C-alpha cells in the first residue's frame, strides 16, 4: 500500500517531455510510479484538471535571516516553490564572529533592504561557522527545503575584519578563505556566491567586502570549491550588461574549474536596446566550447514602491538629491519642495529631454496610497495624469502630493523589464535561467517572490511564450541541475517527491500587498498566488489550496550528500 496517489492529473515531469495524463504514486517520501497506478493507498488526491509538476526551485533568494524566524519562507511557499537557495550575491550570515554581528546586519540592511530592527529582534544567533549555521537551520522544523551558498563577503569579513571593506587580501588571507570554502563544501554548501557590482554599497557608502577582491582571489576560492567535485559559482558582475572581458573571464573560470557559473542579472533596459545581443552570442559560443555559464533572467517587471520619507533609489542616484538626503528633518525636506533652485535641478536630472525614456518613466509613476480626502481621485493614476489635472509636470505632482501628505504618499515605479515584447526575447533564449526573485530582500519596496506563478499565468497561459512543459522545466529541472540539487527537479521514479499541482486556467500571481508581520511589526510586501492547489514536500502535503497544512516537511539541502 502506497502512502499517497495523485490521480488523474496532467503530468509535466520537468524534463521538457510532452505532458501526459498519469497518476503519481508516492511512498516513503519518494516517487515510486508515474503512469497508471493501481491498488490501494493510504491517501488519494483527485487532481483531475490540474498540472502535476516537480516543486519549483528558486535559486536566488535572500532568506538567510528570515528563515531563522519564518520557517516556511513566505511568500515563496505559496507559489509552488519547494526549494530555495540562500547566500546569493555573497551576502550570508555565516561565518560570523559575535563581535561582527551588527556590522554584518548593517550590510544586509543597506544592500538588501532588510529592516535592521527586525533582523536584531528576529535572529537568535546560535552559530559562528557555516557548518554551525546549517546545523541551526536543520535543528528546528523547516517548511521548504533550504540550500545555502557560501557568501564571499561573509568569508572576507570573517578572515580580514574591517579591512575586508577596504583592501585586497594578502596571500595568507586568501588561503584562509579557501580553507573556509573547503570546510563549507564539506558541510553541504551548494557553492560560492560573490558580487562585484558597484550597486552593492553598505553602511556609510562603503563597497561590500567582495568588491575589494581581485579576480585572482575569486579564482582561488572557486578552485577550492571545485576540489569537492561539485558546486556552482553565482556572481553579480562588475558591469551591467556584463562586459565581453568579464564574461570571458567567467567562461574561462567555468572551463578551468569544470563547474557551472550563473550571473545576475539580465533585465531589459528600455534605453539600451540590443545591449544583450552580443552577450548571448558570446554565451552560446562559450557553451559550445564547454563553458557552462548561465545568465539569470527575471520574468517580472522591476517595480518598487516608495515614499519620500523613507527614500527612492532612483532619486538617491541623482547628485541633486544629496541635499534632500542631507536634510536633518522632514521639515527641512518640506522646505526643499518650495525651493525653486532645488526643484529646477531635480527636473533637469529626472526628466531631461521630454522624449527621453527617463522622462516617460517618471510620468508613468503611479500614486498607490494617499491619506487626504481630496487626493482620493488620484489614487491609481499616473503622475502624468495627475499633472494634467492639476498643472505642472510629473516632478511637480510628485513633490506637491508628497508635501501635502507629509511625505507619506506612496508611489510605485517601473524601472526595467516592463516592455514585454523585449522581455519575452530574453526569456525565450534557452541559455536563460529564470530566477531573480530576491525573496526576503527589499521587502519594504517590492516583492518578486511570485515569479513562478507569474511566469505560468502571464507568459504561458496569456502570452503563449512557452508550452507548460518548457515552463515547468525552466522552474524545476534546469535550476536544480545548475545548482547541484540532483534529487529535485524531476518527477521520476526514485526522486524525492517534491510536487506542485496547479490549475492551468487560473494560476497567477496576485498584486503585491503590504503586511506588518516581521519581528517588531515591521512592514513588508507579499504576493499571494492563484490556482496553486497542492504543494507536497517529501511526499507530505505542505500547502492545500493556498493554506499551510501545519506540516514542516522541509530539509536543509546537503550538497555533500546529494541534496537530501
Protein backbone atom coordinates (compact mmCIF):
# COMPACT_ATOMS: atom_id res chain seq x y z
CA UNK A 1 0.00 0.00 0.00
CA UNK A 2 1.44 3.36 -1.07
CA UNK A 3 1.39 6.42 1.15
CA UNK A 4 -0.24 8.64 -1.48
CA UNK A 5 -1.51 8.57 -5.05
CA UNK A 6 -2.19 11.71 -7.09
CA UNK A 7 -4.88 10.57 -9.55
CA UNK A 8 -5.90 11.90 -12.91
CA UNK A 9 -3.58 14.86 -13.34
CA UNK A 10 -1.69 16.11 -16.38
CA UNK A 11 1.96 15.39 -15.61
CA UNK A 12 4.72 17.75 -16.73
CA UNK A 13 7.67 15.85 -15.32
CA UNK A 14 10.26 18.64 -15.53
CA UNK A 15 12.28 17.10 -18.36
CA UNK A 16 10.50 19.09 -21.07
CA UNK A 17 8.95 15.90 -22.47
CA UNK A 18 5.33 16.15 -23.67
CA UNK A 19 2.77 16.27 -20.87
CA UNK A 20 0.72 13.15 -20.29
CA UNK A 21 -2.27 12.07 -18.28
CA UNK A 22 -0.90 9.95 -15.45
CA UNK A 23 -1.16 9.08 -11.80
CA UNK A 24 1.78 9.66 -9.48
CA UNK A 25 2.46 7.14 -6.74
CA UNK A 26 4.43 8.24 -3.67
CA UNK A 27 5.84 6.17 -0.85
CA UNK A 28 8.31 7.00 1.94
CA UNK A 29 8.76 10.49 0.55
CA UNK A 30 9.76 9.42 -2.95
CA UNK A 31 8.09 8.99 -6.32
CA UNK A 32 7.63 5.28 -6.98
CA UNK A 33 5.42 5.38 -10.10
CA UNK A 34 4.32 7.77 -12.84
CA UNK A 35 1.64 6.31 -15.07
CA UNK A 36 -1.27 4.06 -14.23
CA UNK A 37 -1.15 3.32 -10.51
CA UNK A 38 -3.49 0.55 -9.40
CA UNK A 39 -4.12 -0.70 -5.91
CA UNK A 40 -4.79 0.91 -2.59
CA UNK A 41 -3.13 3.91 -0.99
CA UNK A 42 -3.38 5.38 2.46
CA UNK A 43 -4.45 8.64 0.85
CA UNK A 44 -5.60 9.64 -2.62
CA UNK A 45 -5.80 13.15 -4.04
CA UNK A 46 -8.04 13.76 -7.05
CA UNK A 47 -6.01 16.15 -9.22
CA UNK A 48 -8.07 15.99 -12.41
CA UNK A 49 -7.86 19.26 -14.31
CA UNK A 50 -4.55 20.13 -12.67
CA UNK A 51 -0.98 20.10 -13.96
CA UNK A 52 1.23 17.95 -11.74
CA UNK A 53 4.84 19.12 -11.76
CA UNK A 54 8.05 18.92 -9.74
CA UNK A 55 8.27 21.50 -6.98
CA UNK A 56 9.83 24.73 -8.19
CA UNK A 57 13.44 25.58 -7.26
CA UNK A 58 14.15 29.25 -6.53
CA UNK A 59 17.92 29.68 -6.73
CA UNK A 60 18.12 33.41 -5.99
CA UNK A 61 16.67 34.36 -2.62
CA UNK A 62 17.85 36.25 0.43
CA UNK A 63 16.01 34.30 3.12
CA UNK A 64 19.25 33.89 5.13
CA UNK A 65 17.84 35.91 8.03
CA UNK A 66 14.09 35.45 7.54
CA UNK A 67 14.26 31.65 7.58
CA UNK A 68 15.53 31.80 11.17
CA UNK A 69 12.13 33.12 12.29
CA UNK A 70 9.87 32.24 9.32
CA UNK A 71 10.49 28.57 8.72
CA UNK A 72 8.01 28.48 5.82
CA UNK A 73 9.84 31.14 3.76
CA UNK A 74 6.71 33.08 2.92
CA UNK A 75 5.60 34.13 0.40
CA UNK A 76 7.65 31.80 -1.85
CA UNK A 77 5.96 28.68 -0.45
CA UNK A 78 2.56 29.92 -1.63
CA UNK A 79 3.72 29.81 -5.27
CA UNK A 80 4.78 26.19 -5.58
CA UNK A 81 8.39 26.79 -4.56
CA UNK A 82 9.60 23.79 -2.59
CA UNK A 83 13.36 24.54 -2.50
CA UNK A 84 15.12 27.87 -2.01
CA UNK A 85 18.80 28.80 -2.24
CA UNK A 86 20.23 31.45 0.09
CA UNK A 87 23.58 33.24 0.36
CA UNK A 88 23.20 34.88 -3.03
CA UNK A 89 25.34 37.85 -4.08
CA UNK A 90 27.83 36.84 -1.38
CA UNK A 91 25.66 38.10 1.50
CA UNK A 92 25.33 35.45 4.20
CA UNK A 93 25.03 35.12 7.97
CA UNK A 94 27.95 32.73 8.37
CA UNK A 95 30.73 32.56 9.13
CA UNK A 96 30.42 35.47 11.54
CA UNK A 97 32.18 36.25 14.81
CA UNK A 98 29.98 37.54 17.65
CA UNK A 99 31.80 40.87 17.55
CA UNK A 100 30.96 41.31 13.85
CA UNK A 101 27.23 40.61 14.00
CA UNK A 102 25.99 44.20 13.99
CA UNK A 103 28.29 45.16 11.13
CA UNK A 104 27.04 42.22 9.05
CA UNK A 105 23.41 43.08 9.76
CA UNK A 106 24.04 46.69 8.78
CA UNK A 107 25.32 45.42 5.44
CA UNK A 108 22.11 43.45 4.92
CA UNK A 109 20.09 46.49 5.90
CA UNK A 110 21.78 48.79 3.38
CA UNK A 111 22.37 46.40 0.48
CA UNK A 112 19.35 44.11 0.66
CA UNK A 113 16.79 46.43 2.22
CA UNK A 114 16.11 44.32 5.31
CA UNK A 115 14.75 46.18 8.37
CA UNK A 116 17.59 46.37 10.88
CA UNK A 117 15.26 46.29 13.90
CA UNK A 118 13.60 43.12 12.58
CA UNK A 119 16.98 41.48 11.98
CA UNK A 120 18.02 42.25 15.55
CA UNK A 121 14.72 41.08 17.02
CA UNK A 122 14.27 38.01 14.84
CA UNK A 123 17.69 36.36 14.67
CA UNK A 124 18.71 34.18 17.60
CA UNK A 125 22.43 33.82 16.94
CA UNK A 126 23.33 30.17 17.51
CA UNK A 127 26.34 29.86 15.25
CA UNK A 128 29.68 31.23 14.22
CA UNK A 129 30.82 28.88 11.44
CA UNK A 130 28.96 27.96 8.26
CA UNK A 131 28.58 24.37 9.47
CA UNK A 132 27.01 25.61 12.71
CA UNK A 133 24.62 27.83 10.73
CA UNK A 134 23.30 24.98 8.58
CA UNK A 135 23.02 22.76 11.66
CA UNK A 136 20.97 25.51 13.32
CA UNK A 137 18.68 25.65 10.28
CA UNK A 138 18.10 21.91 10.46
CA UNK A 139 17.72 21.76 14.23
CA UNK A 140 14.12 23.00 14.08
CA UNK A 141 11.37 22.09 11.63
CA UNK A 142 11.54 23.66 8.18
CA UNK A 143 8.68 24.27 5.79
CA UNK A 144 10.50 24.35 2.45
CA UNK A 145 13.90 22.88 1.61
CA UNK A 146 16.79 25.31 2.07
CA UNK A 147 20.19 25.13 0.38
CA UNK A 148 22.98 27.57 1.16
CA UNK A 149 25.78 29.16 -0.84
CA UNK A 150 28.95 30.35 0.84
CA UNK A 151 28.94 34.15 0.87
CA UNK A 152 32.18 35.78 -0.28
CA UNK A 153 31.56 38.99 1.69
CA UNK A 154 30.96 36.99 4.85
CA UNK A 155 34.14 34.96 4.29
CA UNK A 156 36.21 38.11 3.76
CA UNK A 157 34.83 39.82 6.86
CA UNK A 158 35.49 36.72 8.96
CA UNK A 159 39.12 36.45 7.84
CA UNK A 160 40.03 40.15 7.44
CA UNK A 161 37.81 42.02 9.87
CA UNK A 162 37.13 45.63 8.96
CA UNK A 163 39.96 45.53 6.40
CA UNK A 164 37.69 43.37 4.24
CA UNK A 165 35.84 46.54 3.26
CA UNK A 166 38.97 48.47 2.34
CA UNK A 167 41.68 46.46 0.59
CA UNK A 168 42.81 43.44 -1.38
CA UNK A 169 43.52 40.26 0.56
CA UNK A 170 47.03 39.07 1.23
CA UNK A 171 48.07 35.58 0.12
CA UNK A 172 47.68 34.16 3.62
CA UNK A 173 44.20 35.64 3.88
CA UNK A 174 43.15 34.17 0.54
CA UNK A 175 44.33 30.77 1.74
CA UNK A 176 42.39 31.18 4.98
CA UNK A 177 39.24 31.93 2.93
CA UNK A 178 39.94 28.95 0.68
CA UNK A 179 40.14 26.74 3.76
CA UNK A 180 36.73 28.03 4.87
CA UNK A 181 35.36 27.24 1.41
CA UNK A 182 36.62 23.67 1.67
CA UNK A 183 35.05 23.34 5.12
CA UNK A 184 31.79 24.80 3.85
CA UNK A 185 31.60 22.46 0.89
CA UNK A 186 32.19 19.51 3.21
CA UNK A 187 29.36 20.84 5.40
CA UNK A 188 26.95 20.76 2.44
CA UNK A 189 27.20 24.17 0.76
CA UNK A 190 25.85 24.26 -2.79
CA UNK A 191 28.63 26.57 -3.97
CA UNK A 192 30.04 30.06 -3.66
CA UNK A 193 28.42 33.45 -4.28
CA UNK A 194 30.07 36.81 -4.80
CA UNK A 195 29.37 40.30 -6.08
CA UNK A 196 31.47 42.81 -7.99
CA UNK A 197 28.58 45.19 -8.65
CA UNK A 198 29.07 48.92 -7.91
CA UNK A 199 25.42 48.97 -6.83
CA UNK A 200 26.25 46.86 -3.78
CA UNK A 201 27.19 49.51 -1.24
CA UNK A 202 26.95 49.01 2.51
CA UNK A 203 26.77 51.28 5.54
CA UNK A 204 28.43 54.66 5.09
CA UNK A 205 28.72 54.17 1.33
CA UNK A 206 31.48 51.55 1.66
CA UNK A 207 31.71 48.87 -1.02
CA UNK A 208 30.71 45.44 0.26
CA UNK A 209 33.79 43.28 1.02
CA UNK A 210 33.62 41.10 -2.10
CA UNK A 211 34.03 44.20 -4.27
CA UNK A 212 37.56 44.63 -2.91
CA UNK A 213 38.59 41.21 -4.22
CA UNK A 214 40.58 40.85 -7.41
CA UNK A 215 39.91 38.17 -9.97
CA UNK A 216 42.79 36.06 -8.66
CA UNK A 217 41.08 35.84 -5.27
CA UNK A 218 37.84 34.66 -6.84
CA UNK A 219 39.79 32.16 -8.96
CA UNK A 220 41.41 30.73 -5.82
CA UNK A 221 38.10 30.36 -3.97
CA UNK A 222 36.41 28.72 -6.96
CA UNK A 223 39.37 26.35 -7.18
CA UNK A 224 38.87 25.42 -3.52
CA UNK A 225 35.17 24.86 -4.19
CA UNK A 226 35.88 22.71 -7.24
CA UNK A 227 38.14 20.38 -5.21
CA UNK A 228 34.90 18.88 -3.87
CA UNK A 229 33.90 17.88 -7.40
CA UNK A 230 30.73 19.94 -7.22
CA UNK A 231 29.40 23.44 -6.57
CA UNK A 232 28.27 26.47 -8.55
CA UNK A 233 29.72 29.97 -8.69
CA UNK A 234 27.00 32.62 -8.54
CA UNK A 235 28.18 36.16 -9.29
CA UNK A 236 26.85 39.66 -9.77
CA UNK A 237 29.23 41.12 -12.37
CA UNK A 238 31.02 44.46 -12.22
CA UNK A 239 29.29 45.86 -15.30
CA UNK A 240 25.68 45.92 -16.46
CA UNK A 241 25.27 44.48 -19.01
CA UNK A 242 28.21 42.21 -18.32
CA UNK A 243 31.23 43.21 -20.43
CA UNK A 244 32.83 40.92 -23.00
CA UNK A 245 36.03 40.89 -20.94
CA UNK A 246 34.31 39.96 -17.68
CA UNK A 247 32.20 37.30 -19.38
CA UNK A 248 35.33 35.83 -20.98
CA UNK A 249 36.89 35.60 -17.51
CA UNK A 250 33.81 33.78 -16.17
CA UNK A 251 33.83 31.41 -19.14
CA UNK A 252 37.49 30.64 -18.55
CA UNK A 253 36.77 30.06 -14.88
CA UNK A 254 33.94 27.66 -15.74
CA UNK A 255 36.17 25.68 -18.08
CA UNK A 256 39.13 25.58 -15.69
CA UNK A 257 37.06 24.53 -12.67
CA UNK A 258 34.63 22.35 -14.64
CA UNK A 259 31.91 23.93 -12.54
CA UNK A 260 28.89 25.95 -13.72
CA UNK A 261 28.70 29.71 -13.29
CA UNK A 262 25.49 31.73 -13.05
CA UNK A 263 25.45 35.52 -13.18
CA UNK A 264 22.76 38.06 -12.46
CA UNK A 265 21.04 39.99 -13.66
CA UNK A 266 19.71 40.10 -17.20
CA UNK A 267 16.97 42.72 -17.41
CA UNK A 268 15.53 44.62 -20.34
CA UNK A 269 16.56 48.27 -20.21
CA UNK A 270 14.30 50.48 -22.37
CA UNK A 271 17.02 52.97 -23.35
CA UNK A 272 19.65 50.27 -24.10
CA UNK A 273 18.02 48.21 -26.82
CA UNK A 274 20.10 45.35 -28.16
CA UNK A 275 22.58 45.51 -25.29
CA UNK A 276 22.23 41.79 -24.59
CA UNK A 277 22.66 40.52 -28.16
CA UNK A 278 26.46 40.34 -28.05
CA UNK A 279 26.32 38.84 -24.54
CA UNK A 280 24.15 35.96 -25.70
CA UNK A 281 26.29 35.39 -28.80
CA UNK A 282 29.33 35.07 -26.54
CA UNK A 283 27.40 32.80 -24.13
CA UNK A 284 26.34 30.45 -26.94
CA UNK A 285 29.87 30.21 -28.26
CA UNK A 286 31.17 29.51 -24.76
CA UNK A 287 28.60 26.82 -24.05
CA UNK A 288 29.55 25.10 -27.30
CA UNK A 289 33.17 25.13 -26.08
CA UNK A 290 32.33 23.70 -22.67
CA UNK A 291 31.94 26.89 -20.61
CA UNK A 292 28.79 26.31 -18.56
CA UNK A 293 27.80 29.93 -17.88
CA UNK A 294 24.11 30.78 -17.45
CA UNK A 295 22.54 34.23 -17.06
CA UNK A 296 19.75 34.79 -14.54
CA UNK A 297 16.74 36.45 -16.16
CA UNK A 298 13.66 37.91 -14.49
CA UNK A 299 10.18 37.30 -15.89
CA UNK A 300 8.65 40.14 -13.87
CA UNK A 301 8.79 43.90 -14.35
CA UNK A 302 11.14 45.58 -11.90
CA UNK A 303 8.58 47.52 -9.88
CA UNK A 304 9.14 49.06 -6.47
CA UNK A 305 7.12 51.15 -4.07
CA UNK A 306 8.46 54.24 -2.34
CA UNK A 307 7.64 57.37 -0.43
CA UNK A 308 9.82 60.42 0.04
CA UNK A 309 10.04 59.89 3.80
CA UNK A 310 11.92 56.60 3.51
CA UNK A 311 13.62 57.09 0.16
CA UNK A 312 13.67 56.19 -3.50
CA UNK A 313 16.67 54.53 -5.16
CA UNK A 314 16.13 56.33 -8.47
CA UNK A 315 16.20 59.69 -6.73
CA UNK A 316 19.09 58.72 -4.45
CA UNK A 317 21.24 58.17 -7.55
CA UNK A 318 20.86 61.81 -8.63
CA UNK A 319 23.52 64.30 -7.44
CA UNK A 320 20.93 66.99 -6.78
CA UNK A 321 19.13 64.66 -4.35
CA UNK A 322 22.05 64.82 -1.92
CA UNK A 323 20.51 67.98 -0.49
CA UNK A 324 17.35 66.01 0.31
CA UNK A 325 19.26 63.16 1.94
CA UNK A 326 21.35 65.62 3.95
CA UNK A 327 18.31 67.48 5.28
CA UNK A 328 18.13 66.65 9.01
CA UNK A 329 14.34 66.65 9.44
CA UNK A 330 11.13 66.24 7.48
CA UNK A 331 10.54 69.95 7.97
CA UNK A 332 13.82 70.70 6.22
CA UNK A 333 12.86 68.38 3.39
CA UNK A 334 9.48 70.05 3.04
CA UNK A 335 11.27 73.35 2.71
CA UNK A 336 13.16 71.95 -0.29
CA UNK A 337 9.85 71.30 -2.04
CA UNK A 338 9.36 75.07 -2.20
CA UNK A 339 12.99 75.75 -3.20
CA UNK A 340 12.90 76.79 -6.87
CA UNK A 341 16.60 76.06 -7.42
CA UNK A 342 16.31 72.54 -5.97
CA UNK A 343 13.18 71.80 -7.99
CA UNK A 344 14.78 73.00 -11.23
CA UNK A 345 17.86 70.84 -10.65
CA UNK A 346 15.70 67.82 -9.91
CA UNK A 347 13.67 68.31 -13.07
CA UNK A 348 16.81 68.69 -15.15
CA UNK A 349 18.20 65.39 -13.88
CA UNK A 350 14.98 63.39 -13.64
CA UNK A 351 13.22 64.48 -16.79
CA UNK A 352 15.95 65.62 -19.18
CA UNK A 353 14.57 65.78 -22.69
CA UNK A 354 10.82 65.36 -22.96
CA UNK A 355 11.25 62.40 -25.31
CA UNK A 356 13.84 60.61 -23.15
CA UNK A 357 12.96 57.24 -21.54
CA UNK A 358 13.66 58.71 -18.08
CA UNK A 359 11.09 61.44 -18.65
CA UNK A 360 8.45 58.91 -19.69
CA UNK A 361 9.32 56.71 -16.70
CA UNK A 362 8.57 59.46 -14.17
CA UNK A 363 5.32 60.21 -15.94
CA UNK A 364 4.35 56.55 -15.55
CA UNK A 365 4.86 56.53 -11.76
CA UNK A 366 1.56 55.63 -10.05
CA UNK A 367 0.14 57.07 -6.83
CA UNK A 368 -0.71 53.99 -4.76
CA UNK A 369 -1.76 55.43 -1.39
CA UNK A 370 -2.79 58.85 -0.11
CA UNK A 371 -4.45 59.82 3.15
CA UNK A 372 -6.12 63.14 2.33
CA UNK A 373 -9.66 63.00 1.01
CA UNK A 374 -9.01 65.41 -1.85
CA UNK A 375 -6.31 63.11 -3.19
CA UNK A 376 -8.52 60.01 -3.34
CA UNK A 377 -9.45 60.58 -7.02
CA UNK A 378 -5.75 60.44 -7.94
CA UNK A 379 -5.01 57.06 -6.34
CA UNK A 380 -4.25 54.56 -9.08
CA UNK A 381 -3.41 57.27 -11.61
CA UNK A 382 -0.02 58.15 -13.07
CA UNK A 383 1.91 61.31 -12.27
CA UNK A 384 1.43 62.36 -15.90
CA UNK A 385 -2.34 62.08 -15.48
CA UNK A 386 -2.24 63.88 -12.14
CA UNK A 387 -0.09 66.66 -13.61
CA UNK A 388 -2.53 67.09 -16.49
CA UNK A 389 -5.35 67.51 -13.99
CA UNK A 390 -3.51 69.80 -11.55
CA UNK A 391 -0.99 71.58 -13.75
CA UNK A 392 2.78 71.28 -13.90
CA UNK A 393 4.75 68.14 -14.76
CA UNK A 394 5.37 64.75 -13.17
CA UNK A 395 8.00 66.04 -10.72
CA UNK A 396 5.67 68.84 -9.61
CA UNK A 397 2.97 66.26 -8.95
CA UNK A 398 5.40 64.01 -7.04
CA UNK A 399 6.69 66.78 -4.78
CA UNK A 400 3.40 68.56 -4.15
CA UNK A 401 1.42 65.41 -3.37
CA UNK A 402 4.23 64.24 -1.09
CA UNK A 403 4.38 67.58 0.73
CA UNK A 404 0.62 67.66 1.25
CA UNK A 405 0.75 64.09 2.63
CA UNK A 406 3.68 64.89 4.99
CA UNK A 407 5.94 62.76 2.76
CA UNK A 408 3.86 59.61 3.36
CA UNK A 409 2.15 59.38 -0.05
CA UNK A 410 3.16 56.03 -1.55
CA UNK A 411 4.06 55.62 -5.22
CA UNK A 412 5.05 52.72 -7.46
CA UNK A 413 7.63 52.90 -10.21
CA UNK A 414 8.66 50.61 -13.06
CA UNK A 415 12.42 50.72 -13.60
CA UNK A 416 13.25 47.94 -16.07
CA UNK A 417 11.88 44.77 -17.63
CA UNK A 418 8.41 46.11 -18.28
CA UNK A 419 8.23 46.12 -22.09
CA UNK A 420 7.06 42.58 -22.60
CA UNK A 421 7.94 42.10 -26.25
CA UNK A 422 11.60 42.67 -25.37
CA UNK A 423 11.48 40.75 -22.08
CA UNK A 424 10.00 37.78 -23.92
CA UNK A 425 13.03 37.62 -26.21
CA UNK A 426 15.32 37.28 -23.20
CA UNK A 427 13.14 34.66 -21.51
CA UNK A 428 12.85 32.55 -24.65
CA UNK A 429 16.59 32.09 -25.04
CA UNK A 430 17.46 28.54 -23.93
CA UNK A 431 20.54 29.73 -22.02
CA UNK A 432 18.41 31.90 -19.71
CA UNK A 433 17.93 30.68 -16.15
CA UNK A 434 14.63 32.15 -14.97
CA UNK A 435 15.19 33.32 -11.41
CA UNK A 436 15.87 36.58 -9.56
CA UNK A 437 13.00 36.53 -7.09
CA UNK A 438 15.27 38.21 -4.50
CA UNK A 439 12.73 36.86 -1.99
CA UNK A 440 13.47 38.06 1.53
CA UNK A 441 15.20 41.24 0.34
CA UNK A 442 13.97 44.78 -0.39
CA UNK A 443 10.81 43.83 1.47
CA UNK A 444 9.62 47.40 2.08
CA UNK A 445 9.58 48.32 -1.61
CA UNK A 446 8.94 45.22 -3.73
CA UNK A 447 8.11 41.52 -3.81
CA UNK A 448 9.01 39.31 -6.77
CA UNK A 449 8.63 36.02 -4.87
CA UNK A 450 5.67 35.17 -7.12
CA UNK A 451 7.84 34.89 -10.23
CA UNK A 452 6.91 31.23 -10.82
CA UNK A 453 3.14 31.76 -10.90
CA UNK A 454 3.66 34.97 -12.88
CA UNK A 455 5.63 33.01 -15.49
CA UNK A 456 2.91 30.36 -15.70
CA UNK A 457 -0.03 32.74 -15.74
CA UNK A 458 1.28 35.64 -17.78
CA UNK A 459 3.93 34.15 -20.04
CA UNK A 460 2.44 30.69 -20.66
CA UNK A 461 -1.34 30.96 -20.44
CA UNK A 462 -1.82 34.56 -21.58
CA UNK A 463 1.09 35.18 -23.94
CA UNK A 464 1.96 31.64 -25.06
CA UNK A 465 5.71 32.18 -24.92
CA UNK A 466 6.31 28.58 -23.76
CA UNK A 467 4.33 25.42 -23.51
CA UNK A 468 3.61 24.20 -19.99
CA UNK A 469 6.31 21.55 -20.34
CA UNK A 470 9.13 24.01 -21.06
CA UNK A 471 7.99 26.48 -18.41
CA UNK A 472 7.97 23.72 -15.77
CA UNK A 473 11.45 22.59 -16.87
CA UNK A 474 12.74 26.15 -16.51
CA UNK A 475 11.31 26.35 -12.98
CA UNK A 476 12.45 22.93 -11.76
CA UNK A 477 14.95 20.69 -13.56
CA UNK A 478 17.09 23.45 -15.05
CA UNK A 479 17.81 25.37 -11.82
CA UNK A 480 18.18 22.12 -9.85
CA UNK A 481 20.79 20.82 -12.30
CA UNK A 482 22.83 24.04 -12.45
CA UNK A 483 22.87 24.46 -8.67
CA UNK A 484 23.63 20.81 -7.98
CA UNK A 485 20.43 19.62 -6.35
CA UNK A 486 20.21 16.26 -8.12
CA UNK A 487 17.28 14.69 -6.29
CA UNK A 488 14.92 17.54 -7.06
CA UNK A 489 13.57 18.99 -10.29
CA UNK A 490 12.05 15.89 -11.92
CA UNK A 491 9.01 13.71 -11.35
CA UNK A 492 10.55 10.29 -11.90
CA UNK A 493 10.88 7.04 -10.02
CA UNK A 494 13.30 7.32 -7.12
CA UNK A 495 13.23 11.11 -6.96
CA UNK A 496 12.24 12.98 -3.82
CA UNK A 497 8.51 13.68 -4.02
CA UNK A 498 8.50 17.46 -4.07
CA UNK A 499 5.40 18.19 -6.14
CA UNK A 500 3.17 21.12 -7.09
CA UNK A 501 -0.31 20.74 -8.56
CA UNK A 502 -1.72 23.88 -10.20
CA UNK A 503 -4.79 24.84 -12.22
CA UNK A 504 -3.61 25.98 -15.68
CA UNK A 505 -6.77 28.03 -16.16
CA UNK A 506 -6.21 30.09 -13.01
CA UNK A 507 -2.56 30.04 -11.97
CA UNK A 508 -1.24 33.57 -11.45
CA UNK A 509 0.44 35.90 -9.02
CA UNK A 510 -1.76 38.49 -7.35
CA UNK A 511 -0.88 42.13 -6.86
CA UNK A 512 1.53 43.00 -4.02
CA UNK A 513 0.04 43.78 -0.62
CA UNK A 514 1.57 45.27 2.50
CA UNK A 515 1.55 43.32 5.77
CA UNK A 516 3.13 44.04 9.16
CA UNK A 517 4.33 40.61 10.24
CA UNK A 518 8.10 40.95 10.52
CA UNK A 519 9.66 40.92 14.00
CA UNK A 520 8.82 44.15 15.78
CA UNK A 521 5.82 44.71 13.49
CA UNK A 522 7.88 45.94 10.52
CA UNK A 523 6.09 46.16 7.19
CA UNK A 524 6.84 44.16 4.10
CA UNK A 525 5.23 43.44 0.75
CA UNK A 526 3.98 39.97 -0.09
CA UNK A 527 2.37 38.47 -3.18
CA UNK A 528 -0.22 35.73 -2.94
CA UNK A 529 -0.90 33.03 -5.53
CA UNK A 530 -3.94 31.93 -7.51
CA UNK A 531 -4.53 28.41 -8.70
CA UNK A 532 -1.85 26.56 -6.69
CA UNK A 533 -3.94 23.73 -5.30
CA UNK A 534 -1.45 21.36 -3.66
CA UNK A 535 2.22 21.60 -2.70
CA UNK A 536 3.95 18.45 -1.43
CA UNK A 537 7.44 18.24 0.04
CA UNK A 538 8.95 14.78 0.52
CA UNK A 539 5.51 13.36 -0.16
CA UNK A 540 3.80 15.31 2.62
CA UNK A 541 1.14 17.88 1.79
CA UNK A 542 2.55 21.24 2.82
CA UNK A 543 0.11 23.68 1.20
CA UNK A 544 -3.51 22.94 0.30
CA UNK A 545 -5.46 25.48 -1.77
CA UNK A 546 -3.22 28.28 -0.64
CA UNK A 547 -3.25 27.42 3.04
CA UNK A 548 -0.47 25.94 5.12
CA UNK A 549 -1.36 22.48 6.42
CA UNK A 550 0.76 22.82 9.55
CA UNK A 551 3.39 20.41 8.22
CA UNK A 552 7.14 21.06 8.30
CA UNK A 553 8.49 18.58 5.74
CA UNK A 554 11.46 20.64 4.51
CA UNK A 555 15.12 19.78 4.98
CA UNK A 556 18.46 21.51 4.65
CA UNK A 557 19.71 20.63 1.17
CA UNK A 558 23.04 18.97 1.79
CA UNK A 559 25.07 19.27 -1.38
CA UNK A 560 27.72 16.93 0.02
CA UNK A 561 25.10 14.19 0.44
CA UNK A 562 23.49 14.58 -2.96
CA UNK A 563 20.83 17.08 -1.96
CA UNK A 564 18.98 15.03 0.63
